[in-house]
């Protein structure tokens, strides 16, 4: 066998052990938003239809018409399992997308750190419901909200994308909804007024949806970028 033939054979064996997979970053962005969004909507409507009285009741025993996010996603079966499964399934792609977005686009360490904290807090509050451990769940929820807003501020302050205006409006809507949610929650606990807890729940919904919409903006930033995943024997390389 000649030297050239031996070299060709080695190259053939090398490529035989390798396979290439193209991952669309925009498709990953869609999946990481659709999973929590669809499961959230499903959990809310399921709770309203199947457990209306139980999901809208509070210690005040006054009339309410919407369940809180915690009640909708963590108080009843199978809703809590649907939510836990969706969040657990979307977490690893979210971590990957967060780090990739940092590397390719915004280059803001603060935005990356706050986003990673946000994702982790969301996973923790989803796996441990308010019924299972209220203190831990509530702390994770506060951490999620605070890190989410700080992530939005850090990312919006960077001028790297034509989606800056969209992110700014979503940040404003998210922050306003958070402030109103706190106001309605405190007012409900202080005065036990009918419907006040439902206003709090509605503001929670706005917080959740604007958060998802904010993260969906990454779809437009990474729309035409693919990631090459190289499989070599039992190892993967990006």
Protein backbone atom coordinates (compact mmCIF):
# COMPACT_ATOMS: atom_id res chain seq x y z
CA UNK A 1 0.00 0.00 0.00
CA UNK A 2 1.37 3.40 -0.96
CA UNK A 3 1.72 6.29 1.43
CA UNK A 4 -1.14 8.18 -0.26
CA UNK A 5 -3.43 5.16 -0.09
CA UNK A 6 -2.65 4.70 3.62
CA UNK A 7 -3.37 8.38 4.25
CA UNK A 8 -6.72 8.16 2.40
CA UNK A 9 -7.65 5.10 4.41
CA UNK A 10 -6.90 6.88 7.70
CA UNK A 11 -9.07 9.82 6.60
CA UNK A 12 -11.88 7.44 5.63
CA UNK A 13 -11.74 5.75 9.03
CA UNK A 14 -11.71 9.15 10.76
CA UNK A 15 -14.80 10.41 8.95
CA UNK A 16 -16.52 7.06 9.41
CA UNK A 17 -16.27 7.62 13.15
CA UNK A 18 -17.61 11.16 12.89
CA UNK A 19 -21.05 12.52 12.17
CA UNK A 20 -22.20 16.11 11.88
CA UNK A 21 -25.53 17.52 13.06
CA UNK A 22 -26.74 21.07 12.38
CA UNK A 23 -28.79 22.62 15.17
CA UNK A 24 -30.89 25.68 14.38
CA UNK A 25 -30.47 28.12 17.27
CA UNK A 26 -33.71 29.86 16.35
CA UNK A 27 -35.56 26.53 16.53
CA UNK A 28 -34.10 25.92 20.00
CA UNK A 29 -35.31 29.40 20.99
CA UNK A 30 -38.84 28.57 19.81
CA UNK A 31 -38.87 25.26 21.70
CA UNK A 32 -37.61 26.81 24.96
CA UNK A 33 -40.46 29.35 24.87
CA UNK A 34 -43.26 27.11 23.57
CA UNK A 35 -42.70 24.40 26.19
CA UNK A 36 -43.31 26.61 29.26
CA UNK A 37 -45.90 28.79 27.49
CA UNK A 38 -48.11 25.92 26.33
CA UNK A 39 -47.83 24.09 29.65
CA UNK A 40 -48.62 27.32 31.54
CA UNK A 41 -51.76 28.01 29.49
CA UNK A 42 -52.83 24.37 29.82
CA UNK A 43 -52.34 24.38 33.60
CA UNK A 44 -54.31 27.62 34.10
CA UNK A 45 -57.27 26.51 31.98
CA UNK A 46 -57.26 23.01 33.44
CA UNK A 47 -57.35 24.44 36.96
CA UNK A 48 -60.18 26.81 36.05
CA UNK A 49 -62.26 24.06 34.46
CA UNK A 50 -61.56 21.18 36.81
CA UNK A 51 -60.68 22.84 40.16
CA UNK A 52 -62.21 26.30 40.00
CA UNK A 53 -63.24 26.65 43.66
CA UNK A 54 -60.09 25.04 45.06
CA UNK A 55 -57.70 26.94 42.76
CA UNK A 56 -59.24 30.38 43.41
CA UNK A 57 -59.81 30.09 47.16
CA UNK A 58 -57.55 31.81 49.72
CA UNK A 59 -57.44 32.23 53.48
CA UNK A 60 -59.76 35.25 53.14
CA UNK A 61 -62.65 33.14 51.80
CA UNK A 62 -63.78 35.87 49.39
CA UNK A 63 -64.84 35.67 45.75
CA UNK A 64 -62.03 35.29 43.20
CA UNK A 65 -62.08 34.23 39.58
CA UNK A 66 -58.45 33.44 38.66
CA UNK A 67 -55.93 31.03 40.23
CA UNK A 68 -52.47 32.26 41.10
CA UNK A 69 -49.55 30.92 39.11
CA UNK A 70 -48.41 28.81 42.06
CA UNK A 71 -51.88 27.27 42.43
CA UNK A 72 -52.25 26.59 38.71
CA UNK A 73 -48.86 24.93 38.22
CA UNK A 74 -48.23 23.32 41.60
CA UNK A 75 -51.38 22.57 43.58
CA UNK A 76 -53.17 19.93 41.53
CA UNK A 77 -52.56 16.82 39.46
CA UNK A 78 -51.83 16.39 36.61
CA UNK A 79 -51.08 20.11 36.17
CA UNK A 80 -48.05 20.11 38.46
CA UNK A 81 -46.52 17.15 36.62
CA UNK A 82 -47.12 18.74 33.23
CA UNK A 83 -45.40 21.93 34.39
CA UNK A 84 -42.50 20.13 36.07
CA UNK A 85 -41.90 18.01 32.96
CA UNK A 86 -41.98 21.01 30.61
CA UNK A 87 -39.61 23.10 32.74
CA UNK A 88 -37.19 20.21 33.33
CA UNK A 89 -37.20 19.44 29.59
CA UNK A 90 -36.51 23.03 28.54
CA UNK A 91 -33.82 23.82 31.15
CA UNK A 92 -30.72 22.32 29.48
CA UNK A 93 -31.51 23.96 26.10
CA UNK A 94 -32.07 27.24 27.98
CA UNK A 95 -28.63 27.01 29.60
CA UNK A 96 -27.07 26.19 26.22
CA UNK A 97 -28.90 29.05 24.49
CA UNK A 98 -27.97 31.51 27.23
CA UNK A 99 -24.25 30.75 27.00
CA UNK A 100 -24.33 30.68 23.18
CA UNK A 101 -26.16 34.01 23.03
CA UNK A 102 -23.54 35.52 25.33
CA UNK A 103 -20.70 34.16 23.18
CA UNK A 104 -22.13 35.21 19.84
CA UNK A 105 -24.00 38.42 20.54
CA UNK A 106 -24.36 40.52 23.68
CA UNK A 107 -21.07 39.77 25.56
CA UNK A 108 -22.50 41.02 28.84
CA UNK A 109 -21.28 38.95 31.82
CA UNK A 110 -23.95 40.46 34.06
CA UNK A 111 -26.74 39.54 31.66
CA UNK A 112 -25.38 35.99 31.45
CA UNK A 113 -25.07 35.57 35.22
CA UNK A 114 -28.56 36.93 35.92
CA UNK A 115 -30.03 34.75 33.18
CA UNK A 116 -28.39 31.60 34.56
CA UNK A 117 -29.69 32.45 38.04
CA UNK A 118 -33.15 33.06 36.58
CA UNK A 119 -33.21 29.68 34.82
CA UNK A 120 -32.02 27.88 37.95
CA UNK A 121 -34.56 29.64 40.17
CA UNK A 122 -37.36 28.76 37.74
CA UNK A 123 -36.34 25.11 37.81
CA UNK A 124 -36.17 25.09 41.63
CA UNK A 125 -39.57 26.75 42.19
CA UNK A 126 -41.11 24.39 39.63
CA UNK A 127 -39.73 21.21 41.18
CA UNK A 128 -40.60 22.28 44.74
CA UNK A 129 -44.17 23.58 44.84
CA UNK A 130 -45.62 26.00 47.36
CA UNK A 131 -47.58 23.16 48.96
CA UNK A 132 -44.47 21.00 49.38
CA UNK A 133 -42.26 23.75 50.84
CA UNK A 134 -43.77 27.24 50.84
CA UNK A 135 -40.71 29.02 52.28
CA UNK A 136 -38.31 27.54 49.72
CA UNK A 137 -40.76 28.01 46.84
CA UNK A 138 -41.44 31.65 47.70
CA UNK A 139 -37.72 32.45 48.02
CA UNK A 140 -37.05 30.86 44.63
CA UNK A 141 -39.95 32.81 43.15
CA UNK A 142 -38.58 36.12 44.44
CA UNK A 143 -35.11 35.19 43.17
CA UNK A 144 -36.61 34.34 39.78
CA UNK A 145 -38.46 37.66 39.49
CA UNK A 146 -35.51 39.79 40.65
CA UNK A 147 -32.90 38.02 38.50
CA UNK A 148 -35.28 38.14 35.54
CA UNK A 149 -35.70 41.91 35.78
CA UNK A 150 -31.96 42.45 36.31
CA UNK A 151 -31.23 40.26 33.30
CA UNK A 152 -33.65 42.31 31.20
CA UNK A 153 -32.07 45.57 32.33
CA UNK A 154 -28.52 44.32 31.67
CA UNK A 155 -29.46 43.04 28.20
CA UNK A 156 -31.53 46.09 27.23
CA UNK A 157 -28.66 48.41 28.15
CA UNK A 158 -26.49 46.76 25.49
CA UNK A 159 -26.85 48.09 21.96
CA UNK A 160 -26.25 44.89 19.99
CA UNK A 161 -29.61 44.21 18.37
CA UNK A 162 -32.40 45.87 16.41
CA UNK A 163 -34.77 44.27 18.94
CA UNK A 164 -33.67 46.70 21.65
CA UNK A 165 -36.91 48.72 21.48
CA UNK A 166 -39.03 45.57 21.76
CA UNK A 167 -37.01 44.42 24.77
CA UNK A 168 -37.38 47.84 26.37
CA UNK A 169 -41.19 47.79 26.11
CA UNK A 170 -41.36 44.23 27.43
CA UNK A 171 -39.11 45.19 30.34
CA UNK A 172 -41.37 48.12 31.18
CA UNK A 173 -44.47 45.92 31.00
CA UNK A 174 -42.86 43.20 33.12
CA UNK A 175 -41.69 45.65 35.78
CA UNK A 176 -45.06 47.42 35.95
CA UNK A 177 -46.89 44.08 36.25
CA UNK A 178 -44.52 43.02 39.05
CA UNK A 179 -45.17 46.23 41.00
CA UNK A 180 -48.95 45.90 40.60
CA UNK A 181 -48.78 42.22 41.58
CA UNK A 182 -47.05 43.14 44.85
CA UNK A 183 -49.62 45.88 45.49
CA UNK A 184 -52.64 43.61 44.88
CA UNK A 185 -51.09 40.79 46.92
CA UNK A 186 -50.51 43.03 49.94
CA UNK A 187 -53.94 44.61 49.62
CA UNK A 188 -55.54 41.16 49.48
CA UNK A 189 -53.74 40.07 52.64
CA UNK A 190 -54.47 43.31 54.50
CA UNK A 191 -58.12 43.89 53.58
CA UNK A 192 -59.41 40.57 52.11
CA UNK A 193 -61.36 42.37 49.35
CA UNK A 194 -63.24 40.26 46.77
CA UNK A 195 -61.43 39.89 43.45
CA UNK A 196 -58.19 41.42 44.69
CA UNK A 197 -56.34 38.10 44.60
CA UNK A 198 -57.53 37.58 41.03
CA UNK A 199 -56.01 40.93 40.04
CA UNK A 200 -52.79 39.75 41.64
CA UNK A 201 -53.02 36.49 39.64
CA UNK A 202 -53.67 38.41 36.40
CA UNK A 203 -50.57 40.53 37.02
CA UNK A 204 -48.63 37.32 37.59
CA UNK A 205 -49.81 36.10 34.18
CA UNK A 206 -48.56 39.33 32.60
CA UNK A 207 -45.19 38.88 34.32
CA UNK A 208 -44.91 35.33 33.00
CA UNK A 209 -45.98 36.16 29.43
CA UNK A 210 -43.80 39.29 29.11
CA UNK A 211 -40.86 37.30 30.46
CA UNK A 212 -41.38 34.63 27.81
CA UNK A 213 -41.87 37.27 25.10
CA UNK A 214 -38.63 38.96 26.17
CA UNK A 215 -36.71 35.70 25.90
CA UNK A 216 -38.33 34.98 22.53
CA UNK A 217 -36.54 38.04 21.08
CA UNK A 218 -33.44 35.85 20.91
CA UNK A 219 -35.15 34.06 18.01
CA UNK A 220 -34.69 37.14 15.82
CA UNK A 221 -31.08 37.67 16.91
CA UNK A 222 -30.07 34.07 16.12
CA UNK A 223 -32.49 33.52 13.23
CA UNK A 224 -29.90 32.68 10.59
CA UNK A 225 -27.29 31.00 12.80
CA UNK A 226 -26.85 27.24 12.98
CA UNK A 227 -24.72 25.31 15.43
CA UNK A 228 -22.66 22.35 14.23
CA UNK A 229 -22.66 19.38 16.61
CA UNK A 230 -19.82 16.97 15.90
CA UNK A 231 -20.17 13.40 17.16
CA UNK A 232 -16.86 11.56 17.35
CA UNK A 233 -17.22 8.01 18.67
CA UNK A 234 -18.84 8.57 22.10
CA UNK A 235 -18.00 12.27 22.37
CA UNK A 236 -19.80 15.40 21.21
CA UNK A 237 -18.17 18.69 20.21
CA UNK A 238 -19.85 21.98 19.32
